[in-house]
């Protein structure tokens, strides 16, 4: 289990990636990104 700080960092990175992908027209959720990255 990761520390709360690591969990928050992962969430922040996934949120940023979701926004960037949305700008490019890619419809993906944070859960899908996490699963694809193996951090879910």
PDB file of N, CA and C in Angstrom:
ATOM      1  N   UNK A   1       0.846  -1.180   0.000  1.00  0.00           N
ATOM      2  CA  UNK A   1       0.000   0.000   0.000  1.00  0.00           C
ATOM      3  C   UNK A   1       0.889   1.241   0.000  1.00  0.00           C
ATOM      4  N   UNK A   2       0.512   2.185  -0.851  1.00  0.00           N
ATOM      5  CA  UNK A   2       1.283   3.420  -0.941  1.00  0.00           C
ATOM      6  C   UNK A   2       0.894   4.386   0.170  1.00  0.00           C
ATOM      7  N   UNK A   3       1.784   5.319   0.431  1.00  0.00           N
ATOM      8  CA  UNK A   3       1.503   6.345   1.431  1.00  0.00           C
ATOM      9  C   UNK A   3       0.447   7.310   0.887  1.00  0.00           C
ATOM     10  N   UNK A   4      -0.211   8.057   1.757  1.00  0.00           N
ATOM     11  CA  UNK A   4      -1.198   9.039   1.301  1.00  0.00           C
ATOM     12  C   UNK A   4      -0.595  10.062   0.328  1.00  0.00           C
ATOM     13  N   UNK A   5       0.656  10.435   0.550  1.00  0.00           N
ATOM     14  CA  UNK A   5       1.309  11.392  -0.345  1.00  0.00           C
ATOM     15  C   UNK A   5       1.460  10.813  -1.750  1.00  0.00           C
ATOM     16  N   UNK A   6       1.883   9.561  -1.834  1.00  0.00           N
ATOM     17  CA  UNK A   6       2.034   8.900  -3.136  1.00  0.00           C
ATOM     18  C   UNK A   6       0.670   8.756  -3.808  1.00  0.00           C
ATOM     19  N   UNK A   7      -0.341   8.363  -3.051  1.00  0.00           N
ATOM     20  CA  UNK A   7      -1.688   8.232  -3.612  1.00  0.00           C
ATOM     21  C   UNK A   7      -2.185   9.565  -4.162  1.00  0.00           C
ATOM     22  N   UNK A   8      -1.939  10.650  -3.448  1.00  0.00           N
ATOM     23  CA  UNK A   8      -2.362  11.975  -3.909  1.00  0.00           C
ATOM     24  C   UNK A   8      -1.612  12.370  -5.175  1.00  0.00           C
ATOM     25  N   UNK A   9      -0.330  12.056  -5.231  1.00  0.00           N
ATOM     26  CA  UNK A   9       0.474  12.369  -6.420  1.00  0.00           C
ATOM     27  C   UNK A   9      -0.047  11.599  -7.628  1.00  0.00           C
ATOM     28  N   UNK A  10      -0.337  10.321  -7.452  1.00  0.00           N
ATOM     29  CA  UNK A  10      -0.887   9.514  -8.554  1.00  0.00           C
ATOM     30  C   UNK A  10      -2.189  10.117  -9.051  1.00  0.00           C
ATOM     31  N   UNK A  11      -3.044  10.509  -8.124  1.00  0.00           N
ATOM     32  CA  UNK A  11      -4.323  11.097  -8.492  1.00  0.00           C
ATOM     33  C   UNK A  11      -4.123  12.396  -9.276  1.00  0.00           C
ATOM     34  N   UNK A  12      -3.177  13.210  -8.849  1.00  0.00           N
ATOM     35  CA  UNK A  12      -2.894  14.475  -9.538  1.00  0.00           C
ATOM     36  C   UNK A  12      -2.382  14.231 -10.950  1.00  0.00           C
ATOM     37  N   UNK A  13      -1.500  13.265 -11.095  1.00  0.00           N
ATOM     38  CA  UNK A  13      -0.936  12.949 -12.416  1.00  0.00           C
ATOM     39  C   UNK A  13      -2.026  12.406 -13.336  1.00  0.00           C
ATOM     40  N   UNK A  14      -2.845  11.505 -12.821  1.00  0.00           N
ATOM     41  CA  UNK A  14      -3.925  10.945 -13.633  1.00  0.00           C
ATOM     42  C   UNK A  14      -4.935  12.011 -14.028  1.00  0.00           C
ATOM     43  N   UNK A  15      -5.232  12.931 -13.127  1.00  0.00           N
ATOM     44  CA  UNK A  15      -6.159  14.018 -13.425  1.00  0.00           C
ATOM     45  C   UNK A  15      -5.603  14.903 -14.535  1.00  0.00           C
ATOM     46  N   UNK A  16      -4.331  15.230 -14.451  1.00  0.00           N
ATOM     47  CA  UNK A  16      -3.696  16.058 -15.483  1.00  0.00           C
ATOM     48  C   UNK A  16      -3.693  15.337 -16.828  1.00  0.00           C
ATOM     49  N   UNK A  17      -3.387  14.058 -16.813  1.00  0.00           N
ATOM     50  CA  UNK A  17      -3.371  13.279 -18.054  1.00  0.00           C
ATOM     51  C   UNK A  17      -4.768  13.221 -18.669  1.00  0.00           C
ATOM     52  N   UNK A  18      -5.775  13.061 -17.829  1.00  0.00           N
ATOM     53  CA  UNK A  18      -7.155  13.020 -18.320  1.00  0.00           C
ATOM     54  C   UNK A  18      -7.510  14.331 -19.025  1.00  0.00           C
ATOM     55  N   UNK A  19      -7.135  15.464 -18.433  1.00  0.00           N
ATOM     56  CA  UNK A  19      -7.425  16.773 -19.043  1.00  0.00           C
ATOM     57  C   UNK A  19      -6.673  16.955 -20.358  1.00  0.00           C
ATOM     58  N   UNK A  20      -5.406  16.559 -20.389  1.00  0.00           N
ATOM     59  CA  UNK A  20      -4.625  16.696 -21.621  1.00  0.00           C
ATOM     60  C   UNK A  20      -5.182  15.822 -22.738  1.00  0.00           C
ATOM     61  N   UNK A  21      -5.546  14.602 -22.397  1.00  0.00           N
ATOM     62  CA  UNK A  21      -6.120  13.710 -23.404  1.00  0.00           C
ATOM     63  C   UNK A  21      -7.462  14.238 -23.899  1.00  0.00           C
ATOM     64  N   UNK A  22      -8.259  14.807 -23.017  1.00  0.00           N
ATOM     65  CA  UNK A  22      -9.551  15.372 -23.415  1.00  0.00           C
ATOM     66  C   UNK A  22      -9.357  16.506 -24.420  1.00  0.00           C
ATOM     67  N   UNK A  23      -8.315  17.312 -24.229  1.00  0.00           N
ATOM     68  CA  UNK A  23      -8.017  18.391 -25.182  1.00  0.00           C
ATOM     69  C   UNK A  23      -7.724  17.845 -26.569  1.00  0.00           C
ATOM     70  N   UNK A  24      -7.189  16.622 -26.626  1.00  0.00           N
ATOM     71  CA  UNK A  24      -6.866  15.979 -27.900  1.00  0.00           C
ATOM     72  C   UNK A  24      -8.026  15.141 -28.428  1.00  0.00           C
ATOM     73  N   UNK A  25      -9.157  15.177 -27.729  1.00  0.00           N
ATOM     74  CA  UNK A  25     -10.339  14.462 -28.182  1.00  0.00           C
ATOM     75  C   UNK A  25     -10.427  13.019 -27.728  1.00  0.00           C
ATOM     76  N   UNK A  26      -9.591  12.637 -26.768  1.00  0.00           N
ATOM     77  CA  UNK A  26      -9.603  11.269 -26.247  1.00  0.00           C
ATOM     78  C   UNK A  26     -10.492  11.231 -25.012  1.00  0.00           C
ATOM     79  N   UNK A  27     -11.515  10.392 -25.065  1.00  0.00           N
ATOM     80  CA  UNK A  27     -12.455  10.269 -23.948  1.00  0.00           C
ATOM     81  C   UNK A  27     -12.030   9.091 -23.080  1.00  0.00           C
ATOM     82  N   UNK A  28     -11.445   9.388 -21.936  1.00  0.00           N
ATOM     83  CA  UNK A  28     -10.956   8.351 -21.030  1.00  0.00           C
ATOM     84  C   UNK A  28     -11.158   8.825 -19.594  1.00  0.00           C
ATOM     85  N   UNK A  29     -11.426   7.886 -18.704  1.00  0.00           N
ATOM     86  CA  UNK A  29     -11.612   8.240 -17.295  1.00  0.00           C
ATOM     87  C   UNK A  29     -10.312   8.026 -16.527  1.00  0.00           C
ATOM     88  N   UNK A  30     -10.253   8.614 -15.337  1.00  0.00           N
ATOM     89  CA  UNK A  30      -9.073   8.401 -14.491  1.00  0.00           C
ATOM     90  C   UNK A  30      -8.914   6.929 -14.150  1.00  0.00           C
ATOM     91  N   UNK A  31     -10.018   6.225 -13.948  1.00  0.00           N
ATOM     92  CA  UNK A  31      -9.944   4.795 -13.641  1.00  0.00           C
ATOM     93  C   UNK A  31      -9.343   4.015 -14.806  1.00  0.00           C
ATOM     94  N   UNK A  32      -9.731   4.369 -16.024  1.00  0.00           N
ATOM     95  CA  UNK A  32      -9.176   3.699 -17.205  1.00  0.00           C
ATOM     96  C   UNK A  32      -7.688   4.006 -17.348  1.00  0.00           C
ATOM     97  N   UNK A  33      -7.315   5.257 -17.104  1.00  0.00           N
ATOM     98  CA  UNK A  33      -5.896   5.625 -17.160  1.00  0.00           C
ATOM     99  C   UNK A  33      -5.089   4.867 -16.115  1.00  0.00           C
ATOM    100  N   UNK A  34      -5.617   4.793 -14.913  1.00  0.00           N
ATOM    101  CA  UNK A  34      -4.922   4.094 -13.833  1.00  0.00           C
ATOM    102  C   UNK A  34      -4.736   2.623 -14.172  1.00  0.00           C
ATOM    103  N   UNK A  35      -5.775   2.006 -14.710  1.00  0.00           N
ATOM    104  CA  UNK A  35      -5.677   0.594 -15.083  1.00  0.00           C
ATOM    105  C   UNK A  35      -4.647   0.397 -16.191  1.00  0.00           C
ATOM    106  N   UNK A  36      -4.657   1.281 -17.179  1.00  0.00           N
ATOM    107  CA  UNK A  36      -3.699   1.175 -18.280  1.00  0.00           C
ATOM    108  C   UNK A  36      -2.267   1.389 -17.805  1.00  0.00           C
ATOM    109  N   UNK A  37      -2.103   2.249 -16.804  1.00  0.00           N
ATOM    110  CA  UNK A  37      -0.768   2.535 -16.276  1.00  0.00           C
ATOM    111  C   UNK A  37      -0.340   1.530 -15.211  1.00  0.00           C
ATOM    112  N   UNK A  38      -1.268   0.680 -14.807  1.00  0.00           N
ATOM    113  CA  UNK A  38      -0.948  -0.316 -13.784  1.00  0.00           C
ATOM    114  C   UNK A  38      -0.853   0.253 -12.385  1.00  0.00           C
ATOM    115  N   UNK A  39      -1.522   1.368 -12.146  1.00  0.00           N
ATOM    116  CA  UNK A  39      -1.477   1.991 -10.821  1.00  0.00           C
ATOM    117  C   UNK A  39      -2.859   2.049 -10.178  1.00  0.00           C
ATOM    118  N   UNK A  40      -3.806   1.361 -10.745  1.00  0.00           N
ATOM    119  CA  UNK A  40      -5.191   1.454 -10.269  1.00  0.00           C
ATOM    120  C   UNK A  40      -5.541   0.595  -9.140  1.00  0.00           C
TER     121      UNK A  40
END
